[in-house]
PDB file of N, CA and C in Angstrom:
ATOM      1  N   UNK A   1     193.914 155.061  40.779  1.00  0.00           N
ATOM      2  CA  UNK A   1     194.022 155.815  41.876  1.00  0.00           C
ATOM      3  C   UNK A   1     192.558 156.129  42.418  1.00  0.00           C
ATOM      4  N   UNK A   2     192.479 156.385  43.651  1.00  0.00           N
ATOM      5  CA  UNK A   2     191.194 156.635  44.080  1.00  0.00           C
ATOM      6  C   UNK A   2     191.108 158.193  44.485  1.00  0.00           C
ATOM      7  N   UNK A   3     189.791 158.544  44.364  1.00  0.00           N
ATOM      8  CA  UNK A   3     189.385 159.816  44.749  1.00  0.00           C
ATOM      9  C   UNK A   3     189.591 160.026  46.262  1.00  0.00           C
ATOM     10  N   UNK A   4     190.108 161.145  46.623  1.00  0.00           N
ATOM     11  CA  UNK A   4     190.164 161.436  48.118  1.00  0.00           C
ATOM     12  C   UNK A   4     188.876 162.071  48.515  1.00  0.00           C
ATOM     13  N   UNK A   5     188.511 161.663  49.784  1.00  0.00           N
ATOM     14  CA  UNK A   5     187.235 162.223  50.434  1.00  0.00           C
ATOM     15  C   UNK A   5     187.716 163.372  51.212  1.00  0.00           C
ATOM     16  N   UNK A   6     186.782 164.290  51.396  1.00  0.00           N
ATOM     17  CA  UNK A   6     187.097 165.462  52.255  1.00  0.00           C
ATOM     18  C   UNK A   6     187.184 165.080  53.658  1.00  0.00           C
ATOM     19  N   UNK A   7     188.003 165.597  54.483  1.00  0.00           N
ATOM     20  CA  UNK A   7     188.093 165.199  55.869  1.00  0.00           C
ATOM     21  C   UNK A   7     187.097 165.837  56.776  1.00  0.00           C
ATOM     22  N   UNK A   8     186.436 166.905  56.474  1.00  0.00           N
ATOM     23  CA  UNK A   8     185.322 167.400  57.405  1.00  0.00           C
ATOM     24  C   UNK A   8     184.067 166.975  56.758  1.00  0.00           C
ATOM     25  N   UNK A   9     183.194 166.462  57.575  1.00  0.00           N
ATOM     26  CA  UNK A   9     181.991 165.987  57.184  1.00  0.00           C
ATOM     27  C   UNK A   9     180.944 167.241  57.153  1.00  0.00           C
ATOM     28  N   UNK A  10     179.785 166.888  56.598  1.00  0.00           N
ATOM     29  CA  UNK A  10     178.698 168.081  56.324  1.00  0.00           C
ATOM     30  C   UNK A  10     178.135 168.304  57.777  1.00  0.00           C
ATOM     31  N   UNK A  11     178.182 167.578  58.709  1.00  0.00           N
ATOM     32  CA  UNK A  11     177.588 167.810  59.965  1.00  0.00           C
ATOM     33  C   UNK A  11     178.346 168.702  60.926  1.00  0.00           C
ATOM     34  N   UNK A  12     179.545 169.081  60.313  1.00  0.00           N
ATOM     35  CA  UNK A  12     180.355 169.901  61.263  1.00  0.00           C
ATOM     36  C   UNK A  12     179.640 171.361  61.350  1.00  0.00           C
ATOM     37  N   UNK A  13     179.632 171.899  62.578  1.00  0.00           N
ATOM     38  CA  UNK A  13     178.996 173.086  62.838  1.00  0.00           C
ATOM     39  C   UNK A  13     180.122 174.140  62.791  1.00  0.00           C
ATOM     40  N   UNK A  14     179.788 175.282  62.480  1.00  0.00           N
ATOM     41  CA  UNK A  14     180.912 176.340  62.448  1.00  0.00           C
ATOM     42  C   UNK A  14     181.418 176.652  63.802  1.00  0.00           C
ATOM     43  N   UNK A  15     180.785 176.529  64.852  1.00  0.00           N
ATOM     44  CA  UNK A  15     181.242 176.917  66.239  1.00  0.00           C
ATOM     45  C   UNK A  15     181.826 175.769  67.015  1.00  0.00           C
ATOM     46  N   UNK A  16     182.011 174.547  66.351  1.00  0.00           N
ATOM     47  CA  UNK A  16     182.578 173.532  67.010  1.00  0.00           C
ATOM     48  C   UNK A  16     183.460 172.665  66.105  1.00  0.00           C
ATOM     49  N   UNK A  17     184.238 171.854  66.623  1.00  0.00           N
ATOM     50  CA  UNK A  17     185.057 170.890  65.808  1.00  0.00           C
ATOM     51  C   UNK A  17     184.392 169.588  66.068  1.00  0.00           C
ATOM     52  N   UNK A  18     184.469 168.788  65.019  1.00  0.00           N
ATOM     53  CA  UNK A  18     183.929 167.372  65.090  1.00  0.00           C
ATOM     54  C   UNK A  18     184.751 166.559  65.963  1.00  0.00           C
ATOM     55  N   UNK A  19     184.134 165.647  66.713  1.00  0.00           N
ATOM     56  CA  UNK A  19     184.835 164.750  67.626  1.00  0.00           C
ATOM     57  C   UNK A  19     185.864 163.938  66.841  1.00  0.00           C
ATOM     58  N   UNK A  20     185.611 163.706  65.571  1.00  0.00           N
ATOM     59  CA  UNK A  20     186.491 162.825  64.597  1.00  0.00           C
ATOM     60  C   UNK A  20     187.460 163.718  63.826  1.00  0.00           C
ATOM     61  N   UNK A  21     187.609 164.928  64.194  1.00  0.00           N
ATOM     62  CA  UNK A  21     188.408 165.824  63.305  1.00  0.00           C
ATOM     63  C   UNK A  21     189.833 165.236  63.304  1.00  0.00           C
ATOM     64  N   UNK A  22     190.377 164.815  64.237  1.00  0.00           N
ATOM     65  CA  UNK A  22     191.764 164.204  64.374  1.00  0.00           C
ATOM     66  C   UNK A  22     191.765 163.137  63.343  1.00  0.00           C
ATOM     67  N   UNK A  23     190.912 162.154  63.337  1.00  0.00           N
ATOM     68  CA  UNK A  23     190.970 161.037  62.420  1.00  0.00           C
ATOM     69  C   UNK A  23     190.850 161.388  61.035  1.00  0.00           C
ATOM     70  N   UNK A  24     189.932 162.314  60.692  1.00  0.00           N
ATOM     71  CA  UNK A  24     189.788 162.668  59.386  1.00  0.00           C
ATOM     72  C   UNK A  24     191.048 163.532  58.849  1.00  0.00           C
ATOM     73  N   UNK A  25     191.590 164.296  59.748  1.00  0.00           N
ATOM     74  CA  UNK A  25     192.928 164.958  59.371  1.00  0.00           C
ATOM     75  C   UNK A  25     193.997 164.002  59.034  1.00  0.00           C
ATOM     76  N   UNK A  26     194.211 162.957  59.833  1.00  0.00           N
ATOM     77  CA  UNK A  26     195.394 161.948  59.655  1.00  0.00           C
ATOM     78  C   UNK A  26     194.966 161.292  58.407  1.00  0.00           C
ATOM     79  N   UNK A  27     193.673 160.906  58.182  1.00  0.00           N
ATOM     80  CA  UNK A  27     193.200 160.175  56.800  1.00  0.00           C
ATOM     81  C   UNK A  27     193.705 161.082  55.629  1.00  0.00           C
ATOM     82  N   UNK A  28     193.363 162.352  55.755  1.00  0.00           N
ATOM     83  CA  UNK A  28     193.624 163.243  54.751  1.00  0.00           C
ATOM     84  C   UNK A  28     195.136 163.273  54.356  1.00  0.00           C
ATOM     85  N   UNK A  29     195.784 163.421  55.507  1.00  0.00           N
ATOM     86  CA  UNK A  29     197.303 163.590  55.349  1.00  0.00           C
ATOM     87  C   UNK A  29     197.851 162.384  54.641  1.00  0.00           C
ATOM     88  N   UNK A  30     197.480 161.153  55.170  1.00  0.00           N
ATOM     89  CA  UNK A  30     197.916 159.805  54.671  1.00  0.00           C
ATOM     90  C   UNK A  30     197.493 159.641  53.246  1.00  0.00           C
ATOM     91  N   UNK A  31     196.218 159.980  52.886  1.00  0.00           N
ATOM     92  CA  UNK A  31     195.827 159.953  51.390  1.00  0.00           C
ATOM     93  C   UNK A  31     196.590 160.786  50.543  1.00  0.00           C
ATOM     94  N   UNK A  32     196.939 162.120  51.001  1.00  0.00           N
ATOM     95  CA  UNK A  32     197.739 163.010  50.245  1.00  0.00           C
ATOM     96  C   UNK A  32     199.188 162.360  49.967  1.00  0.00           C
ATOM     97  N   UNK A  33     199.746 161.798  51.082  1.00  0.00           N
ATOM     98  CA  UNK A  33     200.955 161.153  50.983  1.00  0.00           C
ATOM     99  C   UNK A  33     200.929 160.077  49.962  1.00  0.00           C
ATOM    100  N   UNK A  34     200.004 159.108  50.081  1.00  0.00           N
ATOM    101  CA  UNK A  34     199.903 158.028  49.110  1.00  0.00           C
ATOM    102  C   UNK A  34     199.498 158.280  47.762  1.00  0.00           C
ATOM    103  N   UNK A  35     198.441 158.993  47.562  1.00  0.00           N
ATOM    104  CA  UNK A  35     197.824 159.224  46.252  1.00  0.00           C
ATOM    105  C   UNK A  35     198.283 160.400  45.495  1.00  0.00           C
ATOM    106  N   UNK A  36     198.589 161.381  46.191  1.00  0.00           N
ATOM    107  CA  UNK A  36     198.964 162.865  45.523  1.00  0.00           C
ATOM    108  C   UNK A  36     200.526 162.860  45.483  1.00  0.00           C
ATOM    109  N   UNK A  37     201.163 162.139  46.358  1.00  0.00           N
ATOM    110  CA  UNK A  37     202.555 161.947  46.099  1.00  0.00           C
ATOM    111  C   UNK A  37     203.274 163.099  46.859  1.00  0.00           C
ATOM    112  N   UNK A  38     202.685 163.708  47.879  1.00  0.00           N
ATOM    113  CA  UNK A  38     203.399 164.677  48.640  1.00  0.00           C
ATOM    114  C   UNK A  38     203.831 163.972  49.901  1.00  0.00           C
ATOM    115  N   UNK A  39     205.183 164.272  50.198  1.00  0.00           N
ATOM    116  CA  UNK A  39     205.737 163.802  51.432  1.00  0.00           C
ATOM    117  C   UNK A  39     205.207 164.446  52.823  1.00  0.00           C
ATOM    118  N   UNK A  40     205.446 163.785  53.892  1.00  0.00           N
ATOM    119  CA  UNK A  40     204.697 164.054  55.066  1.00  0.00           C
ATOM    120  C   UNK A  40     205.355 165.526  55.560  1.00  0.00           C
ATOM    121  N   UNK A  41     206.771 165.696  55.455  1.00  0.00           N
ATOM    122  CA  UNK A  41     207.321 167.009  55.886  1.00  0.00           C
ATOM    123  C   UNK A  41     206.645 168.118  55.162  1.00  0.00           C
ATOM    124  N   UNK A  42     206.464 167.928  53.872  1.00  0.00           N
ATOM    125  CA  UNK A  42     205.822 169.096  52.979  1.00  0.00           C
ATOM    126  C   UNK A  42     204.332 169.267  53.630  1.00  0.00           C
ATOM    127  N   UNK A  43     203.575 168.248  53.716  1.00  0.00           N
ATOM    128  CA  UNK A  43     202.181 168.308  54.214  1.00  0.00           C
ATOM    129  C   UNK A  43     202.146 169.000  55.594  1.00  0.00           C
ATOM    130  N   UNK A  44     203.094 168.621  56.411  1.00  0.00           N
ATOM    131  CA  UNK A  44     203.017 169.074  57.699  1.00  0.00           C
ATOM    132  C   UNK A  44     203.230 170.678  57.813  1.00  0.00           C
ATOM    133  N   UNK A  45     203.932 171.202  56.861  1.00  0.00           N
ATOM    134  CA  UNK A  45     204.066 172.642  56.937  1.00  0.00           C
ATOM    135  C   UNK A  45     203.234 173.325  55.826  1.00  0.00           C
ATOM    136  N   UNK A  46     202.423 172.624  55.031  1.00  0.00           N
ATOM    137  CA  UNK A  46     201.694 173.218  54.051  1.00  0.00           C
ATOM    138  C   UNK A  46     200.277 173.789  54.732  1.00  0.00           C
ATOM    139  N   UNK A  47     200.005 174.892  54.203  1.00  0.00           N
ATOM    140  CA  UNK A  47     198.679 175.490  54.656  1.00  0.00           C
ATOM    141  C   UNK A  47     197.459 174.627  54.188  1.00  0.00           C
ATOM    142  N   UNK A  48     196.450 174.703  54.929  1.00  0.00           N
ATOM    143  CA  UNK A  48     195.339 173.834  54.605  1.00  0.00           C
ATOM    144  C   UNK A  48     194.706 174.090  53.258  1.00  0.00           C
ATOM    145  N   UNK A  49     194.636 175.391  53.025  1.00  0.00           N
ATOM    146  CA  UNK A  49     194.054 175.635  51.754  1.00  0.00           C
ATOM    147  C   UNK A  49     194.852 175.201  50.404  1.00  0.00           C
ATOM    148  N   UNK A  50     196.211 175.187  50.549  1.00  0.00           N
ATOM    149  CA  UNK A  50     196.963 174.638  49.508  1.00  0.00           C
ATOM    150  C   UNK A  50     196.847 173.078  49.357  1.00  0.00           C
ATOM    151  N   UNK A  51     196.743 172.468  50.586  1.00  0.00           N
ATOM    152  CA  UNK A  51     196.383 170.992  50.468  1.00  0.00           C
ATOM    153  C   UNK A  51     195.115 170.777  49.833  1.00  0.00           C
ATOM    154  N   UNK A  52     194.230 171.693  50.223  1.00  0.00           N
ATOM    155  CA  UNK A  52     192.815 171.380  49.467  1.00  0.00           C
ATOM    156  C   UNK A  52     192.802 171.553  48.075  1.00  0.00           C
ATOM    157  N   UNK A  53     193.727 172.528  47.561  1.00  0.00           N
ATOM    158  CA  UNK A  53     193.858 172.800  46.186  1.00  0.00           C
ATOM    159  C   UNK A  53     194.496 171.514  45.431  1.00  0.00           C
ATOM    160  N   UNK A  54     195.575 170.944  46.123  1.00  0.00           N
ATOM    161  CA  UNK A  54     196.151 169.638  45.606  1.00  0.00           C
ATOM    162  C   UNK A  54     195.210 168.485  45.595  1.00  0.00           C
ATOM    163  N   UNK A  55     194.434 168.422  46.585  1.00  0.00           N
ATOM    164  CA  UNK A  55     193.399 167.259  46.452  1.00  0.00           C
ATOM    165  C   UNK A  55     192.395 167.635  45.333  1.00  0.00           C
ATOM    166  N   UNK A  56     191.874 168.705  45.305  1.00  0.00           N
ATOM    167  CA  UNK A  56     190.995 169.066  44.243  1.00  0.00           C
ATOM    168  C   UNK A  56     191.489 168.807  42.833  1.00  0.00           C
ATOM    169  N   UNK A  57     192.733 169.160  42.644  1.00  0.00           N
ATOM    170  CA  UNK A  57     193.386 169.008  41.232  1.00  0.00           C
ATOM    171  C   UNK A  57     193.612 167.520  41.094  1.00  0.00           C
ATOM    172  N   UNK A  58     194.043 166.831  42.163  1.00  0.00           N
ATOM    173  CA  UNK A  58     194.058 165.264  41.989  1.00  0.00           C
ATOM    174  C   UNK A  58     192.809 164.657  41.630  1.00  0.00           C
ATOM    175  N   UNK A  59     191.797 165.037  42.239  1.00  0.00           N
ATOM    176  CA  UNK A  59     190.561 164.397  41.960  1.00  0.00           C
ATOM    177  C   UNK A  59     190.073 164.761  40.510  1.00  0.00           C
ATOM    178  N   UNK A  60     190.267 165.933  40.187  1.00  0.00           N
ATOM    179  CA  UNK A  60     189.895 166.449  38.709  1.00  0.00           C
ATOM    180  C   UNK A  60     190.686 165.415  37.776  1.00  0.00           C
ATOM    181  N   UNK A  61     191.926 165.387  38.053  1.00  0.00           N
ATOM    182  CA  UNK A  61     192.808 164.522  37.153  1.00  0.00           C
ATOM    183  C   UNK A  61     192.381 162.973  37.052  1.00  0.00           C
ATOM    184  N   UNK A  62     191.988 162.398  38.245  1.00  0.00           N
ATOM    185  CA  UNK A  62     191.534 161.086  38.230  1.00  0.00           C
ATOM    186  C   UNK A  62     190.189 161.020  37.587  1.00  0.00           C
ATOM    187  N   UNK A  63     189.293 161.926  37.704  1.00  0.00           N
ATOM    188  CA  UNK A  63     187.924 161.910  37.068  1.00  0.00           C
ATOM    189  C   UNK A  63     188.093 162.027  35.538  1.00  0.00           C
ATOM    190  N   UNK A  64     189.049 162.753  35.114  1.00  0.00           N
ATOM    191  CA  UNK A  64     189.394 162.793  33.633  1.00  0.00           C
ATOM    192  C   UNK A  64     189.849 161.473  33.137  1.00  0.00           C
ATOM    193  N   UNK A  65     190.818 160.947  33.816  1.00  0.00           N
ATOM    194  CA  UNK A  65     191.416 159.650  33.433  1.00  0.00           C
ATOM    195  C   UNK A  65     190.294 158.550  33.505  1.00  0.00           C
ATOM    196  N   UNK A  66     189.527 158.539  34.333  1.00  0.00           N
ATOM    197  CA  UNK A  66     188.347 157.584  34.422  1.00  0.00           C
ATOM    198  C   UNK A  66     187.386 157.771  33.360  1.00  0.00           C
ATOM    199  N   UNK A  67     187.129 158.970  32.987  1.00  0.00           N
ATOM    200  CA  UNK A  67     186.200 159.267  31.827  1.00  0.00           C
ATOM    201  C   UNK A  67     186.917 158.942  30.440  1.00  0.00           C
ATOM    202  N   UNK A  68     188.149 159.138  30.362  1.00  0.00           N
ATOM    203  CA  UNK A  68     188.887 158.760  29.114  1.00  0.00           C
ATOM    204  C   UNK A  68     188.878 157.137  29.117  1.00  0.00           C
ATOM    205  N   UNK A  69     189.042 156.418  30.138  1.00  0.00           N
ATOM    206  CA  UNK A  69     189.072 154.984  30.153  1.00  0.00           C
ATOM    207  C   UNK A  69     187.682 154.411  29.800  1.00  0.00           C
ATOM    208  N   UNK A  70     186.655 155.178  30.305  1.00  0.00           N
ATOM    209  CA  UNK A  70     185.325 154.682  29.921  1.00  0.00           C
ATOM    210  C   UNK A  70     184.969 154.849  28.635  1.00  0.00           C
ATOM    211  N   UNK A  71     185.374 156.057  27.946  1.00  0.00           N
ATOM    212  CA  UNK A  71     185.088 156.138  26.596  1.00  0.00           C
ATOM    213  C   UNK A  71     185.890 155.316  25.714  1.00  0.00           C
ATOM    214  N   UNK A  72     187.226 154.911  26.122  1.00  0.00           N
ATOM    215  CA  UNK A  72     187.997 153.890  25.358  1.00  0.00           C
ATOM    216  C   UNK A  72     187.273 152.483  25.423  1.00  0.00           C
ATOM    217  N   UNK A  73     186.774 152.149  26.610  1.00  0.00           N
ATOM    218  CA  UNK A  73     186.061 150.951  26.871  1.00  0.00           C
ATOM    219  C   UNK A  73     184.855 150.746  25.951  1.00  0.00           C
ATOM    220  N   UNK A  74     183.964 151.972  25.875  1.00  0.00           N
ATOM    221  CA  UNK A  74     182.883 152.065  24.990  1.00  0.00           C
ATOM    222  C   UNK A  74     183.298 151.791  23.565  1.00  0.00           C
ATOM    223  N   UNK A  75     184.297 152.514  23.127  1.00  0.00           N
ATOM    224  CA  UNK A  75     184.782 152.550  21.794  1.00  0.00           C
ATOM    225  C   UNK A  75     185.193 151.092  21.366  1.00  0.00           C
ATOM    226  N   UNK A  76     185.950 150.378  22.338  1.00  0.00           N
ATOM    227  CA  UNK A  76     186.390 148.975  22.006  1.00  0.00           C
ATOM    228  C   UNK A  76     185.127 148.117  21.972  1.00  0.00           C
ATOM    229  N   UNK A  77     184.258 148.269  22.795  1.00  0.00           N
ATOM    230  CA  UNK A  77     183.000 147.530  22.866  1.00  0.00           C
ATOM    231  C   UNK A  77     182.223 147.627  21.546  1.00  0.00           C
ATOM    232  N   UNK A  78     182.170 148.815  20.949  1.00  0.00           N
ATOM    233  CA  UNK A  78     181.367 149.201  19.793  1.00  0.00           C
ATOM    234  C   UNK A  78     182.159 148.537  18.557  1.00  0.00           C
ATOM    235  N   UNK A  79     183.414 148.363  18.662  1.00  0.00           N
ATOM    236  CA  UNK A  79     184.205 147.759  17.513  1.00  0.00           C
ATOM    237  C   UNK A  79     184.027 146.256  17.463  1.00  0.00           C
ATOM    238  N   UNK A  80     183.678 145.653  18.506  1.00  0.00           N
ATOM    239  CA  UNK A  80     183.496 144.126  18.580  1.00  0.00           C
ATOM    240  C   UNK A  80     182.137 143.829  18.111  1.00  0.00           C
TER     241      UNK A  80
END
């Protein structure tokens, strides 16, 4: 699984919305549906802060899985 990227870029000013906001939002919704496993109806009614929590927890889980896989790979390489 892939890590999800945040949909708001760092150049976003607090007083304006990025012109690409809609694209980033749809990308985030699609990624949540595909990788996190939330259906569109749930996402549509979910507050943004809850969606961010799901994305953050998913990214933590994937990072842990990648680290465990890396450690197993190193352990297997050292056995050979």
